[in-house]
Amino acid sequence: MSNKTNNTNAVKPKDGRESRTGSLLSLVPPKSANVDENTTRAQEITMNIKVTSGKNIRGSKGEHVNSMIRVQWSDFDFKDSSIVNDSAFPDYNLSDEHSFPLDDAFIDLFANSSVTVSLYESLPKDKSLLLGTAELSLFNAFLKGNNEAVVCKQSIPFIYTNPKLLGDVQPEIDVEITISKPIIPLSDQALGSFVTLRFEDLFPIPEEWTLKEPNEKDLNSSKTDYHSTERFVCIQH
């Protein structure tokens, strides 16, 4: 079985998710002839995402599952693993590396986005089925509290789209994220403040957001849910 780390040859999931083509360019400033190459490198940061072992993976045939994973940070290009056949404890051994300019735009994106691991079952005739997803918050790993962490190792649970496949087990995936330097140096942290903004409610509701009539099968369908959203902000004094 060929390795499917090349996006062109990767198995295309049924959910039809696509990454934003060329989105890496949005964080790369234009080159200037006056900027020293060593200075540019010093202002960059490299992030490596390594996904290794799965645990208690289940598919349509129980623990005898052919599976693969897709790793994506924010909405940048994803990377697929090769298919691991007939294993409930697969070793995907997938690594993905990105380099970015270490500026305010990167820190904002880093703090408010997650690494997503999507688990797929490989089916006959080159088809696939999304089994579940797992997410890891980079804010919690590297920025929560004053720290200068550069490595995060965690086993994160998969949330299955069909929990009936699980029985009494919890599928997990081992993820290791390494960054080449602290996102915010301790010297800067000592001079700044960390603020988390949480929106709990919205009032009054705009007139444009008209409520629909409930249908007979779902009497709650006329209700609108406002999910609480957190936003991390770093303010330097």
C-alpha atoms as a PDB file:
ATOM      1  CA  MET A   1       0.000   0.000   0.000  1.00  0.00           C
ATOM      2  CA  SER A   2       1.509   3.331  -1.029  1.00  0.00           C
ATOM      3  CA  ASN A   3       1.990   6.104   1.502  1.00  0.00           C
ATOM      4  CA  LYS A   4      -0.747   8.704   1.161  1.00  0.00           C
ATOM      5  CA  THR A   5       1.070  11.680   2.625  1.00  0.00           C
ATOM      6  CA  ASN A   6       0.900  13.380  -0.756  1.00  0.00           C
ATOM      7  CA  ASN A   7      -2.371  15.327  -0.816  1.00  0.00           C
ATOM      8  CA  THR A   8      -2.825  14.726  -4.522  1.00  0.00           C
ATOM      9  CA  ASN A   9      -2.978  10.949  -4.070  1.00  0.00           C
ATOM     10  CA  ALA A  10      -4.711  10.952  -0.708  1.00  0.00           C
ATOM     11  CA  VAL A  11      -7.998   9.214  -0.060  1.00  0.00           C
ATOM     12  CA  LYS A  12     -10.687  11.861  -0.347  1.00  0.00           C
ATOM     13  CA  PRO A  13     -13.128  11.569   2.568  1.00  0.00           C
ATOM     14  CA  LYS A  14     -16.850  11.580   2.019  1.00  0.00           C
ATOM     15  CA  ASP A  15     -17.326  14.693   4.128  1.00  0.00           C
ATOM     16  CA  GLY A  16     -15.693  16.710   1.347  1.00  0.00           C
ATOM     17  CA  ARG A  17     -13.525  18.878   3.608  1.00  0.00           C
ATOM     18  CA  GLU A  18     -11.008  20.944   1.741  1.00  0.00           C
ATOM     19  CA  SER A  19      -8.147  23.024   3.044  1.00  0.00           C
ATOM     20  CA  ARG A  20      -7.619  26.605   2.036  1.00  0.00           C
ATOM     21  CA  THR A  21      -5.223  26.460  -0.907  1.00  0.00           C
ATOM     22  CA  GLY A  22      -2.224  28.703  -0.515  1.00  0.00           C
ATOM     23  CA  SER A  23      -3.286  29.848   2.945  1.00  0.00           C
ATOM     24  CA  LEU A  24       0.297  29.638   4.195  1.00  0.00           C
ATOM     25  CA  LEU A  25       1.027  32.725   2.131  1.00  0.00           C
ATOM     26  CA  SER A  26      -1.347  34.803   4.218  1.00  0.00           C
ATOM     27  CA  LEU A  27       1.095  34.779   7.155  1.00  0.00           C
ATOM     28  CA  VAL A  28       4.283  35.294   5.165  1.00  0.00           C
ATOM     29  CA  PRO A  29       5.342  38.955   4.826  1.00  0.00           C
ATOM     30  CA  PRO A  30       6.817  40.156   1.533  1.00  0.00           C
ATOM     31  CA  LYS A  31      10.586  39.810   1.299  1.00  0.00           C
ATOM     32  CA  SER A  32      12.667  42.927   1.471  1.00  0.00           C
ATOM     33  CA  ALA A  33      16.140  43.310   0.059  1.00  0.00           C
ATOM     34  CA  ASN A  34      17.136  45.168   3.240  1.00  0.00           C
ATOM     35  CA  VAL A  35      16.186  42.331   5.582  1.00  0.00           C
ATOM     36  CA  ASP A  36      19.101  40.143   6.641  1.00  0.00           C
ATOM     37  CA  GLU A  37      18.496  36.406   6.066  1.00  0.00           C
ATOM     38  CA  ASN A  38      19.726  35.482   9.558  1.00  0.00           C
ATOM     39  CA  THR A  39      17.387  38.065  11.089  1.00  0.00           C
ATOM     40  CA  THR A  40      14.485  36.600   9.139  1.00  0.00           C
ATOM     41  CA  ARG A  41      15.266  33.112  10.425  1.00  0.00           C
ATOM     42  CA  ALA A  42      15.485  34.414  13.998  1.00  0.00           C
ATOM     43  CA  GLN A  43      11.961  35.822  13.642  1.00  0.00           C
ATOM     44  CA  GLU A  44      10.524  32.533  12.365  1.00  0.00           C
ATOM     45  CA  ILE A  45       9.114  29.637  14.330  1.00  0.00           C
ATOM     46  CA  THR A  46       8.818  26.005  13.279  1.00  0.00           C
ATOM     47  CA  MET A  47       6.039  23.731  14.499  1.00  0.00           C
ATOM     48  CA  ASN A  48       6.181  19.953  14.094  1.00  0.00           C
ATOM     49  CA  ILE A  49       3.060  17.841  14.582  1.00  0.00           C
ATOM     50  CA  LYS A  50       3.734  14.132  15.106  1.00  0.00           C
ATOM     51  CA  VAL A  51       0.913  11.610  15.396  1.00  0.00           C
ATOM     52  CA  THR A  52       1.974   8.096  16.334  1.00  0.00           C
ATOM     53  CA  SER A  53      -0.163   5.383  17.914  1.00  0.00           C
ATOM     54  CA  GLY A  54      -3.893   4.907  17.948  1.00  0.00           C
ATOM     55  CA  LYS A  55      -5.588   3.001  20.756  1.00  0.00           C
ATOM     56  CA  ASN A  56      -8.859   1.062  20.778  1.00  0.00           C
ATOM     57  CA  ILE A  57      -9.721   2.039  17.216  1.00  0.00           C
ATOM     58  CA  ARG A  58     -13.054   0.618  16.088  1.00  0.00           C
ATOM     59  CA  GLY A  59     -14.720   0.489  12.681  1.00  0.00           C
ATOM     60  CA  SER A  60     -17.743  -1.050  11.022  1.00  0.00           C
ATOM     61  CA  LYS A  61     -16.264  -4.517  11.687  1.00  0.00           C
ATOM     62  CA  GLY A  62     -15.187  -3.859  15.234  1.00  0.00           C
ATOM     63  CA  GLU A  63     -11.483  -3.998  16.004  1.00  0.00           C
ATOM     64  CA  HIS A  64     -10.654  -5.436  12.574  1.00  0.00           C
ATOM     65  CA  VAL A  65     -10.460  -2.025  10.939  1.00  0.00           C
ATOM     66  CA  ASN A  66      -8.414  -0.549   8.091  1.00  0.00           C
ATOM     67  CA  SER A  67      -7.856   3.045   9.065  1.00  0.00           C
ATOM     68  CA  MET A  68      -5.989   6.246   8.255  1.00  0.00           C
ATOM     69  CA  ILE A  69      -5.788   9.698   9.819  1.00  0.00           C
ATOM     70  CA  ARG A  70      -5.803  13.249   8.519  1.00  0.00           C
ATOM     71  CA  VAL A  71      -3.975  15.977  10.457  1.00  0.00           C
ATOM     72  CA  GLN A  72      -4.772  19.651  10.018  1.00  0.00           C
ATOM     73  CA  TRP A  73      -3.935  22.796  11.951  1.00  0.00           C
ATOM     74  CA  SER A  74      -6.467  25.609  11.636  1.00  0.00           C
ATOM     75  CA  ASP A  75      -7.446  25.671   7.944  1.00  0.00           C
ATOM     76  CA  PHE A  76      -3.968  25.133   6.477  1.00  0.00           C
ATOM     77  CA  ASP A  77      -3.152  22.228   4.172  1.00  0.00           C
ATOM     78  CA  PHE A  78      -3.890  18.857   5.719  1.00  0.00           C
ATOM     79  CA  LYS A  79      -1.696  15.774   5.612  1.00  0.00           C
ATOM     80  CA  ASP A  80      -2.843  12.143   5.394  1.00  0.00           C
ATOM     81  CA  SER A  81      -1.222   9.031   6.776  1.00  0.00           C
ATOM     82  CA  SER A  82      -0.932   5.752   4.981  1.00  0.00           C
ATOM     83  CA  ILE A  83      -3.622   3.139   5.589  1.00  0.00           C
ATOM     84  CA  VAL A  84      -2.958   0.730   8.447  1.00  0.00           C
ATOM     85  CA  ASN A  85      -4.748  -2.573   7.856  1.00  0.00           C
ATOM     86  CA  ASP A  86      -6.618  -4.744  10.353  1.00  0.00           C
ATOM     87  CA  SER A  87      -5.455  -3.116  13.574  1.00  0.00           C
ATOM     88  CA  ALA A  88      -7.176  -1.673  16.636  1.00  0.00           C
ATOM     89  CA  PHE A  89      -3.811  -0.278  17.790  1.00  0.00           C
ATOM     90  CA  PRO A  90      -2.363   1.214  14.583  1.00  0.00           C
ATOM     91  CA  ASP A  91       0.953   3.048  14.340  1.00  0.00           C
ATOM     92  CA  TYR A  92       0.311   5.871  11.881  1.00  0.00           C
ATOM     93  CA  ASN A  93       3.731   7.502  12.319  1.00  0.00           C
ATOM     94  CA  LEU A  94       2.660  10.734  10.614  1.00  0.00           C
ATOM     95  CA  SER A  95       4.691  13.929  10.869  1.00  0.00           C
ATOM     96  CA  ASP A  96       3.794  17.383   9.572  1.00  0.00           C
ATOM     97  CA  GLU A  97       5.952  20.498   9.830  1.00  0.00           C
ATOM     98  CA  HIS A  98       5.197  24.184   9.269  1.00  0.00           C
ATOM     99  CA  SER A  99       7.311  27.352   9.494  1.00  0.00           C
ATOM    100  CA  PHE A 100       5.815  30.784  10.115  1.00  0.00           C
ATOM    101  CA  PRO A 101       6.957  34.320  10.896  1.00  0.00           C
ATOM    102  CA  LEU A 102       6.651  34.822  14.660  1.00  0.00           C
ATOM    103  CA  ASP A 103       4.476  37.928  14.621  1.00  0.00           C
ATOM    104  CA  ASP A 104       1.215  39.115  16.174  1.00  0.00           C
ATOM    105  CA  ALA A 105      -0.879  37.434  13.464  1.00  0.00           C
ATOM    106  CA  PHE A 106       0.731  34.063  14.162  1.00  0.00           C
ATOM    107  CA  ILE A 107       0.372  34.383  17.950  1.00  0.00           C
ATOM    108  CA  ASP A 108      -3.314  35.254  17.572  1.00  0.00           C
ATOM    109  CA  LEU A 109      -3.916  32.298  15.255  1.00  0.00           C
ATOM    110  CA  PHE A 110      -1.851  29.927  17.397  1.00  0.00           C
ATOM    111  CA  ALA A 111      -3.707  30.840  20.573  1.00  0.00           C
ATOM    112  CA  ASN A 112      -7.189  30.576  19.103  1.00  0.00           C
ATOM    113  CA  SER A 113      -7.042  27.461  16.924  1.00  0.00           C
ATOM    114  CA  SER A 114      -6.586  23.725  17.389  1.00  0.00           C
ATOM    115  CA  VAL A 115      -4.856  20.771  15.786  1.00  0.00           C
ATOM    116  CA  THR A 116      -7.502  18.405  14.439  1.00  0.00           C
ATOM    117  CA  VAL A 117      -6.947  14.680  13.840  1.00  0.00           C
ATOM    118  CA  SER A 118      -9.663  13.057  11.723  1.00  0.00           C
ATOM    119  CA  LEU A 119      -9.993   9.261  11.748  1.00  0.00           C
ATOM    120  CA  TYR A 120     -11.211   7.461   8.621  1.00  0.00           C
ATOM    121  CA  GLU A 121     -12.054   3.854   7.896  1.00  0.00           C
ATOM    122  CA  SER A 122     -10.762   2.673   4.525  1.00  0.00           C
ATOM    123  CA  LEU A 123     -13.495   0.872   2.595  1.00  0.00           C
ATOM    124  CA  PRO A 124     -13.464  -1.158  -0.623  1.00  0.00           C
ATOM    125  CA  LYS A 125     -13.443   0.579  -4.026  1.00  0.00           C
ATOM    126  CA  ASP A 126     -11.215   3.414  -2.734  1.00  0.00           C
ATOM    127  CA  LYS A 127     -13.924   4.806  -0.461  1.00  0.00           C
ATOM    128  CA  SER A 128     -13.615   6.061   3.097  1.00  0.00           C
ATOM    129  CA  LEU A 129     -15.843   6.768   6.079  1.00  0.00           C
ATOM    130  CA  LEU A 130     -15.264   9.422   8.739  1.00  0.00           C
ATOM    131  CA  LEU A 131     -15.231   7.632  12.093  1.00  0.00           C
ATOM    132  CA  GLY A 132     -14.460  10.528  14.414  1.00  0.00           C
ATOM    133  CA  THR A 133     -12.265  13.514  15.242  1.00  0.00           C
ATOM    134  CA  ALA A 134      -9.915  14.572  18.023  1.00  0.00           C
ATOM    135  CA  GLU A 135      -8.772  18.107  18.805  1.00  0.00           C
ATOM    136  CA  LEU A 136      -5.860  19.559  20.757  1.00  0.00           C
ATOM    137  CA  SER A 137      -5.900  23.196  21.887  1.00  0.00           C
ATOM    138  CA  LEU A 138      -2.540  24.869  21.358  1.00  0.00           C
ATOM    139  CA  PHE A 139      -3.457  27.602  23.825  1.00  0.00           C
ATOM    140  CA  ASN A 140      -3.870  25.099  26.655  1.00  0.00           C
ATOM    141  CA  ALA A 141      -0.640  23.333  25.680  1.00  0.00           C
ATOM    142  CA  PHE A 142       1.697  26.282  25.244  1.00  0.00           C
ATOM    143  CA  LEU A 143       0.175  29.548  26.471  1.00  0.00           C
ATOM    144  CA  LYS A 144      -2.114  28.881  29.427  1.00  0.00           C
ATOM    145  CA  GLY A 145      -0.379  30.483  32.378  1.00  0.00           C
ATOM    146  CA  ASN A 146       3.166  31.798  32.284  1.00  0.00           C
ATOM    147  CA  ASN A 147       5.335  29.126  30.713  1.00  0.00           C
ATOM    148  CA  GLU A 148       7.955  28.607  28.050  1.00  0.00           C
ATOM    149  CA  ALA A 149       6.895  25.140  26.936  1.00  0.00           C
ATOM    150  CA  VAL A 150       8.193  23.921  23.573  1.00  0.00           C
ATOM    151  CA  VAL A 151       6.934  20.304  23.658  1.00  0.00           C
ATOM    152  CA  CYS A 152       3.445  18.915  24.271  1.00  0.00           C
ATOM    153  CA  LYS A 153       2.697  15.166  24.428  1.00  0.00           C
ATOM    154  CA  GLN A 154      -0.883  14.056  24.948  1.00  0.00           C
ATOM    155  CA  SER A 155      -3.264  11.196  24.308  1.00  0.00           C
ATOM    156  CA  ILE A 156      -6.467  12.790  23.070  1.00  0.00           C
ATOM    157  CA  PRO A 157      -9.813  10.991  22.689  1.00  0.00           C
ATOM    158  CA  PHE A 158     -11.667  10.576  19.415  1.00  0.00           C
ATOM    159  CA  ILE A 159     -15.276  11.737  19.366  1.00  0.00           C
ATOM    160  CA  TYR A 160     -17.033   9.209  17.148  1.00  0.00           C
ATOM    161  CA  THR A 161     -19.794  10.185  14.747  1.00  0.00           C
ATOM    162  CA  ASN A 162     -21.484   6.861  15.569  1.00  0.00           C
ATOM    163  CA  PRO A 163     -20.899   6.005  19.250  1.00  0.00           C
ATOM    164  CA  LYS A 164     -22.598   2.617  18.763  1.00  0.00           C
ATOM    165  CA  LEU A 165     -19.368   1.368  17.145  1.00  0.00           C
ATOM    166  CA  LEU A 166     -17.428   1.807  20.383  1.00  0.00           C
ATOM    167  CA  GLY A 167     -19.000  -0.528  22.898  1.00  0.00           C
ATOM    168  CA  ASP A 168     -17.236   0.093  26.215  1.00  0.00           C
ATOM    169  CA  VAL A 169     -13.875   1.342  24.847  1.00  0.00           C
ATOM    170  CA  GLN A 170     -12.550   4.863  24.246  1.00  0.00           C
ATOM    171  CA  PRO A 171     -10.438   5.364  21.086  1.00  0.00           C
ATOM    172  CA  GLU A 172      -7.439   7.677  21.529  1.00  0.00           C
ATOM    173  CA  ILE A 173      -4.507   8.991  19.544  1.00  0.00           C
ATOM    174  CA  ASP A 174      -1.009   9.957  20.725  1.00  0.00           C
ATOM    175  CA  VAL A 175       0.013  13.420  19.563  1.00  0.00           C
ATOM    176  CA  GLU A 176       3.321  15.215  20.057  1.00  0.00           C
ATOM    177  CA  ILE A 177       3.709  18.883  19.096  1.00  0.00           C
ATOM    178  CA  THR A 178       7.085  20.589  19.152  1.00  0.00           C
ATOM    179  CA  ILE A 179       7.840  24.267  18.527  1.00  0.00           C
ATOM    180  CA  SER A 180      11.326  25.642  17.943  1.00  0.00           C
ATOM    181  CA  LYS A 181      11.030  28.391  20.574  1.00  0.00           C
ATOM    182  CA  PRO A 182       8.543  29.676  23.165  1.00  0.00           C
ATOM    183  CA  ILE A 183       5.664  31.562  21.559  1.00  0.00           C
ATOM    184  CA  ILE A 184       5.981  34.420  24.045  1.00  0.00           C
ATOM    185  CA  PRO A 185       9.317  34.707  25.938  1.00  0.00           C
ATOM    186  CA  LEU A 186       9.085  34.879  29.733  1.00  0.00           C
ATOM    187  CA  SER A 187      10.606  38.367  29.632  1.00  0.00           C
ATOM    188  CA  ASP A 188       7.643  39.547  27.541  1.00  0.00           C
ATOM    189  CA  GLN A 189       5.160  37.642  29.681  1.00  0.00           C
ATOM    190  CA  ALA A 190       6.438  39.466  32.768  1.00  0.00           C
ATOM    191  CA  LEU A 191       5.713  42.805  31.071  1.00  0.00           C
ATOM    192  CA  GLY A 192       2.260  41.894  29.769  1.00  0.00           C
ATOM    193  CA  SER A 193      -1.172  40.644  30.752  1.00  0.00           C
ATOM    194  CA  PHE A 194      -3.124  37.616  29.580  1.00  0.00           C
ATOM    195  CA  VAL A 195      -6.826  38.223  29.071  1.00  0.00           C
ATOM    196  CA  THR A 196      -9.502  35.715  28.069  1.00  0.00           C
ATOM    197  CA  LEU A 197     -12.743  37.184  26.715  1.00  0.00           C
ATOM    198  CA  ARG A 198     -15.884  35.055  27.022  1.00  0.00           C
ATOM    199  CA  PHE A 199     -19.239  36.025  25.503  1.00  0.00           C
ATOM    200  CA  GLU A 200     -22.082  34.502  27.520  1.00  0.00           C
ATOM    201  CA  ASP A 201     -25.176  36.155  26.081  1.00  0.00           C
ATOM    202  CA  LEU A 202     -26.470  38.444  23.360  1.00  0.00           C
ATOM    203  CA  PHE A 203     -29.130  41.105  23.908  1.00  0.00           C
ATOM    204  CA  PRO A 204     -31.142  42.429  22.239  1.00  0.00           C
ATOM    205  CA  ILE A 205     -31.468  39.951  19.372  1.00  0.00           C
ATOM    206  CA  PRO A 206     -31.222  41.766  16.003  1.00  0.00           C
ATOM    207  CA  GLU A 207     -34.540  42.018  14.218  1.00  0.00           C
ATOM    208  CA  GLU A 208     -32.943  40.486  11.121  1.00  0.00           C
ATOM    209  CA  TRP A 209     -32.551  37.218  13.018  1.00  0.00           C
ATOM    210  CA  THR A 210     -36.188  36.209  12.713  1.00  0.00           C
ATOM    211  CA  LEU A 211     -37.238  33.017  14.442  1.00  0.00           C
ATOM    212  CA  LYS A 212     -38.740  30.230  12.360  1.00  0.00           C
ATOM    213  CA  GLU A 213     -41.837  28.292  13.300  1.00  0.00           C
ATOM    214  CA  PRO A 214     -41.213  24.939  15.045  1.00  0.00           C
ATOM    215  CA  ASN A 215     -41.979  21.861  13.026  1.00  0.00           C
ATOM    216  CA  GLU A 216     -44.109  18.986  14.249  1.00  0.00           C
ATOM    217  CA  LYS A 217     -41.198  16.568  14.674  1.00  0.00           C
ATOM    218  CA  ASP A 218     -38.987  19.011  16.602  1.00  0.00           C
ATOM    219  CA  LEU A 219     -40.777  21.547  18.775  1.00  0.00           C
ATOM    220  CA  ASN A 220     -37.423  23.067  19.782  1.00  0.00           C
ATOM    221  CA  SER A 221     -36.437  23.859  16.211  1.00  0.00           C
ATOM    222  CA  SER A 222     -37.529  27.494  16.634  1.00  0.00           C
ATOM    223  CA  LYS A 223     -34.971  28.074  19.372  1.00  0.00           C
ATOM    224  CA  THR A 224     -31.596  29.651  18.679  1.00  0.00           C
ATOM    225  CA  ASP A 225     -28.532  28.544  20.646  1.00  0.00           C
ATOM    226  CA  TYR A 226     -25.705  30.968  21.326  1.00  0.00           C
ATOM    227  CA  HIS A 227     -22.586  29.014  22.166  1.00  0.00           C
ATOM    228  CA  SER A 228     -20.107  30.591  24.542  1.00  0.00           C
ATOM    229  CA  THR A 229     -16.937  31.649  22.756  1.00  0.00           C
ATOM    230  CA  GLU A 230     -13.534  32.319  24.300  1.00  0.00           C
ATOM    231  CA  ARG A 231     -10.874  34.538  22.822  1.00  0.00           C
ATOM    232  CA  PHE A 232      -7.307  34.776  24.127  1.00  0.00           C
ATOM    233  CA  VAL A 233      -5.588  38.165  24.036  1.00  0.00           C
ATOM    234  CA  CYS A 234      -2.062  39.112  25.111  1.00  0.00           C
ATOM    235  CA  ILE A 235      -1.606  42.772  26.055  1.00  0.00           C
ATOM    236  CA  GLN A 236       1.931  44.099  26.508  1.00  0.00           C
ATOM    237  CA  HIS A 237       2.308  47.035  28.875  1.00  0.00           C
END
